[in-house]
Amino acid sequence: MELYLEKLRAEDVEELFVFECSNRAFFEKTVPSRGEDYYTFETFQKIFYELLQEQFECISYFHLIKNHEGTIVGRMNLVDIEKDKELGYLGYRIGETYAGRGIATKGVKLLLTEAANYHVTEIHAKTTPDNIASQKVLEKSNFSRSSIDENVAQTDFIHYVWRHTN
C-alpha cells in the first residue's frame, strides 16, 4: 500500500474527527482513553486548533498517514520538541481497518526521515506492555527499549529511544 505523511491542516478537522470517533473503541483497547469530551466536535475542534498552534510554533508536528486515495489511515506525531536537546516524542495511531498491514512501521520510518527537517536527532516513545504490535513497530524502526515505568496513572509504560546516526 502506497502511503504518505501530510502535515495537519485546518481543512482536516472534520475528517480527523470522524477517524477518531470511528476508531475510539479500537484505540482504547491498547491506550488510555482521551475522555468523553474529546469525542464531542466542539471540544475536538478546540483541541485540534491548539495542535495547529503548537505546529505553527514548531513545538510539535502532527501528521496524517494517508493512502493513495487520500484517506486517513493513521496519525503520526512528533511532539513536545526540546530544541536545545534536538529531542522529540513520538505518538501514533493506526485505524482499525488498516491495522496489521505494516502501516505504523512505514509511518514511523517516514517520520524519522522528516525528523531531520525539524532538527530532531533523538526521539522517545512509549507504549503499554500489552501493546505488542506497537513494541514490534518501534523495535523494527531501530528504537531501543530504555526503561519501564510501573503504575504511572494506573498504567505501565515501556519507554523507547531512537537516535539519529550518521
Protein backbone atom coordinates (compact mmCIF):
# COMPACT_ATOMS: atom_id res chain seq x y z
CA MET A 1 0.00 0.00 0.00
CA GLU A 2 1.36 3.37 -1.02
CA LEU A 3 1.44 5.75 1.96
CA TYR A 4 2.50 9.29 2.64
CA LEU A 5 2.60 11.71 5.55
CA GLU A 6 0.79 15.01 5.33
CA LYS A 7 1.17 17.75 7.92
CA LEU A 8 -2.05 18.51 9.75
CA ARG A 9 -4.03 21.41 8.20
CA ALA A 10 -7.14 23.31 9.27
CA GLU A 11 -9.12 21.61 6.46
CA ASP A 12 -8.58 18.21 8.14
CA VAL A 13 -10.66 18.86 11.26
CA GLU A 14 -13.88 17.10 10.19
CA GLU A 15 -12.24 14.10 8.53
CA LEU A 16 -9.92 13.60 11.50
CA PHE A 17 -12.84 13.85 13.94
CA VAL A 18 -14.65 11.08 12.03
CA PHE A 19 -11.45 8.97 12.04
CA GLU A 20 -11.01 9.40 15.80
CA CYS A 21 -14.66 8.67 16.62
CA SER A 22 -14.91 5.62 14.38
CA ASN A 23 -11.74 4.12 15.89
CA ARG A 24 -12.32 5.06 19.51
CA ALA A 25 -13.16 1.58 20.82
CA PHE A 26 -10.22 0.08 18.93
CA PHE A 27 -7.75 2.67 20.27
CA GLU A 28 -8.99 2.33 23.82
CA LYS A 29 -8.17 -1.40 23.81
CA THR A 30 -4.46 -0.54 23.95
CA VAL A 31 -4.09 3.07 25.12
CA PRO A 32 -5.74 5.09 27.87
CA SER A 33 -8.93 6.89 26.84
CA ARG A 34 -8.78 10.53 25.86
CA GLY A 35 -12.01 11.06 27.76
CA GLU A 36 -15.64 11.56 26.77
CA ASP A 37 -15.24 15.28 25.96
CA TYR A 38 -12.65 14.56 23.28
CA TYR A 39 -15.39 12.92 21.21
CA THR A 40 -17.69 15.94 21.04
CA PHE A 41 -16.99 18.01 17.94
CA GLU A 42 -16.81 21.33 19.79
CA THR A 43 -14.13 20.05 22.19
CA PHE A 44 -12.29 18.17 19.44
CA GLN A 45 -12.23 21.30 17.29
CA LYS A 46 -10.78 23.37 20.15
CA ILE A 47 -8.06 20.77 20.78
CA PHE A 48 -7.40 20.49 17.05
CA TYR A 49 -6.76 24.22 16.68
CA GLU A 50 -4.48 24.17 19.74
CA LEU A 51 -2.46 21.46 17.97
CA LEU A 52 -2.22 23.60 14.85
CA GLN A 53 -0.92 26.46 17.01
CA GLU A 54 1.74 24.16 18.50
CA GLN A 55 2.73 23.15 14.98
CA PHE A 56 2.91 26.81 13.90
CA GLU A 57 5.21 27.48 16.88
CA CYS A 58 7.37 24.42 15.96
CA ILE A 59 6.72 22.87 19.37
CA SER A 60 5.11 19.78 17.82
CA TYR A 61 4.42 18.39 14.36
CA PHE A 62 1.24 16.48 13.59
CA HIS A 63 0.88 14.29 10.52
CA LEU A 64 -1.86 12.26 8.93
CA ILE A 65 -0.89 8.98 7.33
CA LYS A 66 -2.82 8.74 4.08
CA ASN A 67 -3.14 6.06 1.43
CA HIS A 68 -3.04 6.58 -2.35
CA GLU A 69 -6.72 7.58 -2.28
CA GLY A 70 -6.04 10.34 0.24
CA THR A 71 -7.90 8.54 3.05
CA ILE A 72 -6.64 8.95 6.61
CA VAL A 73 -5.35 5.55 7.77
CA GLY A 74 -3.50 6.81 10.85
CA ARG A 75 -1.72 9.60 12.66
CA MET A 76 1.98 10.15 13.28
CA ASN A 77 3.05 12.91 15.67
CA LEU A 78 6.33 14.34 16.91
CA VAL A 79 5.51 16.39 20.00
CA ASP A 80 7.00 18.36 22.89
CA ILE A 81 10.14 19.17 20.95
CA GLU A 82 13.04 20.34 23.09
CA LYS A 83 15.02 22.38 20.56
CA ASP A 84 18.12 22.77 22.75
CA LYS A 85 18.42 18.97 23.00
CA GLU A 86 17.12 18.22 19.46
CA LEU A 87 14.66 15.87 21.18
CA GLY A 88 11.03 15.00 20.50
CA TYR A 89 8.41 12.44 21.49
CA LEU A 90 6.65 10.10 19.08
CA GLY A 91 2.98 9.23 19.16
CA TYR A 92 0.94 7.38 16.56
CA ARG A 93 -2.28 5.50 15.98
CA ILE A 94 -3.49 3.41 13.07
CA GLY A 95 -7.17 2.93 12.24
CA GLU A 96 -8.65 -0.48 12.98
CA THR A 97 -9.37 -1.26 9.32
CA TYR A 98 -5.69 -0.74 8.49
CA ALA A 99 -4.04 -2.43 11.50
CA GLY A 100 -1.65 -5.30 10.91
CA ARG A 101 -0.56 -4.15 7.43
CA GLY A 102 2.79 -2.57 8.29
CA ILE A 103 1.37 0.96 8.14
CA ALA A 104 2.69 2.00 11.54
CA THR A 105 6.20 0.80 10.67
CA LYS A 106 6.11 2.63 7.34
CA GLY A 107 4.70 5.76 9.02
CA VAL A 108 7.41 5.76 11.69
CA LYS A 109 10.10 5.41 9.03
CA LEU A 110 8.60 8.32 7.08
CA LEU A 111 8.54 10.42 10.24
CA LEU A 112 12.16 9.55 11.08
CA THR A 113 13.11 10.90 7.66
CA GLU A 114 11.17 14.11 8.41
CA ALA A 115 12.85 14.46 11.83
CA ALA A 116 15.97 15.94 10.23
CA ASN A 117 13.85 18.77 8.78
CA TYR A 118 12.64 19.50 12.32
CA HIS A 119 16.20 19.42 13.71
CA VAL A 120 15.36 16.44 15.91
CA THR A 121 18.06 13.80 16.38
CA GLU A 122 16.60 11.90 19.34
CA ILE A 123 13.05 10.61 19.63
CA HIS A 124 11.41 9.00 22.64
CA ALA A 125 8.32 6.81 22.52
CA LYS A 126 6.32 4.75 24.98
CA THR A 127 3.75 2.02 24.82
CA THR A 128 1.88 -0.22 27.20
CA PRO A 129 3.16 -3.75 27.92
CA ASP A 130 0.12 -5.35 26.29
CA ASN A 131 0.54 -3.39 23.05
CA ILE A 132 2.84 -5.95 21.44
CA ALA A 133 2.20 -4.58 17.92
CA SER A 134 3.49 -1.14 18.93
CA GLN A 135 6.55 -2.66 20.59
CA LYS A 136 7.34 -4.51 17.35
CA VAL A 137 6.90 -1.34 15.29
CA LEU A 138 9.34 0.58 17.47
CA GLU A 139 11.90 -2.24 17.50
CA LYS A 140 11.69 -2.65 13.67
CA SER A 141 12.26 1.10 13.40
CA ASN A 142 15.55 0.98 15.35
CA PHE A 143 14.18 2.24 18.66
CA SER A 144 15.85 0.73 21.73
CA ARG A 145 13.95 -0.16 24.86
CA SER A 146 15.21 2.18 27.58
CA SER A 147 13.06 1.64 30.69
CA ILE A 148 9.75 0.56 32.17
CA ASP A 149 7.56 2.78 34.38
CA GLU A 150 5.17 0.81 36.52
CA ASN A 151 1.83 2.13 37.77
CA VAL A 152 2.00 5.61 36.26
CA ALA A 153 -1.63 6.75 36.45
CA GLN A 154 -2.74 3.10 36.74
CA THR A 155 -0.86 2.19 33.55
CA ASP A 156 2.56 0.66 32.99
CA PHE A 157 4.66 2.03 30.13
CA ILE A 158 7.67 0.69 28.25
CA HIS A 159 9.93 3.51 27.07
CA TYR A 160 11.95 3.51 23.84
CA VAL A 161 14.51 5.84 22.33
CA TRP A 162 15.81 6.40 18.79
CA ARG A 163 18.92 8.40 17.96
CA HIS A 164 19.96 9.62 14.53
CA THR A 165 23.18 8.02 13.37
CA ASN A 166 25.28 9.33 10.51
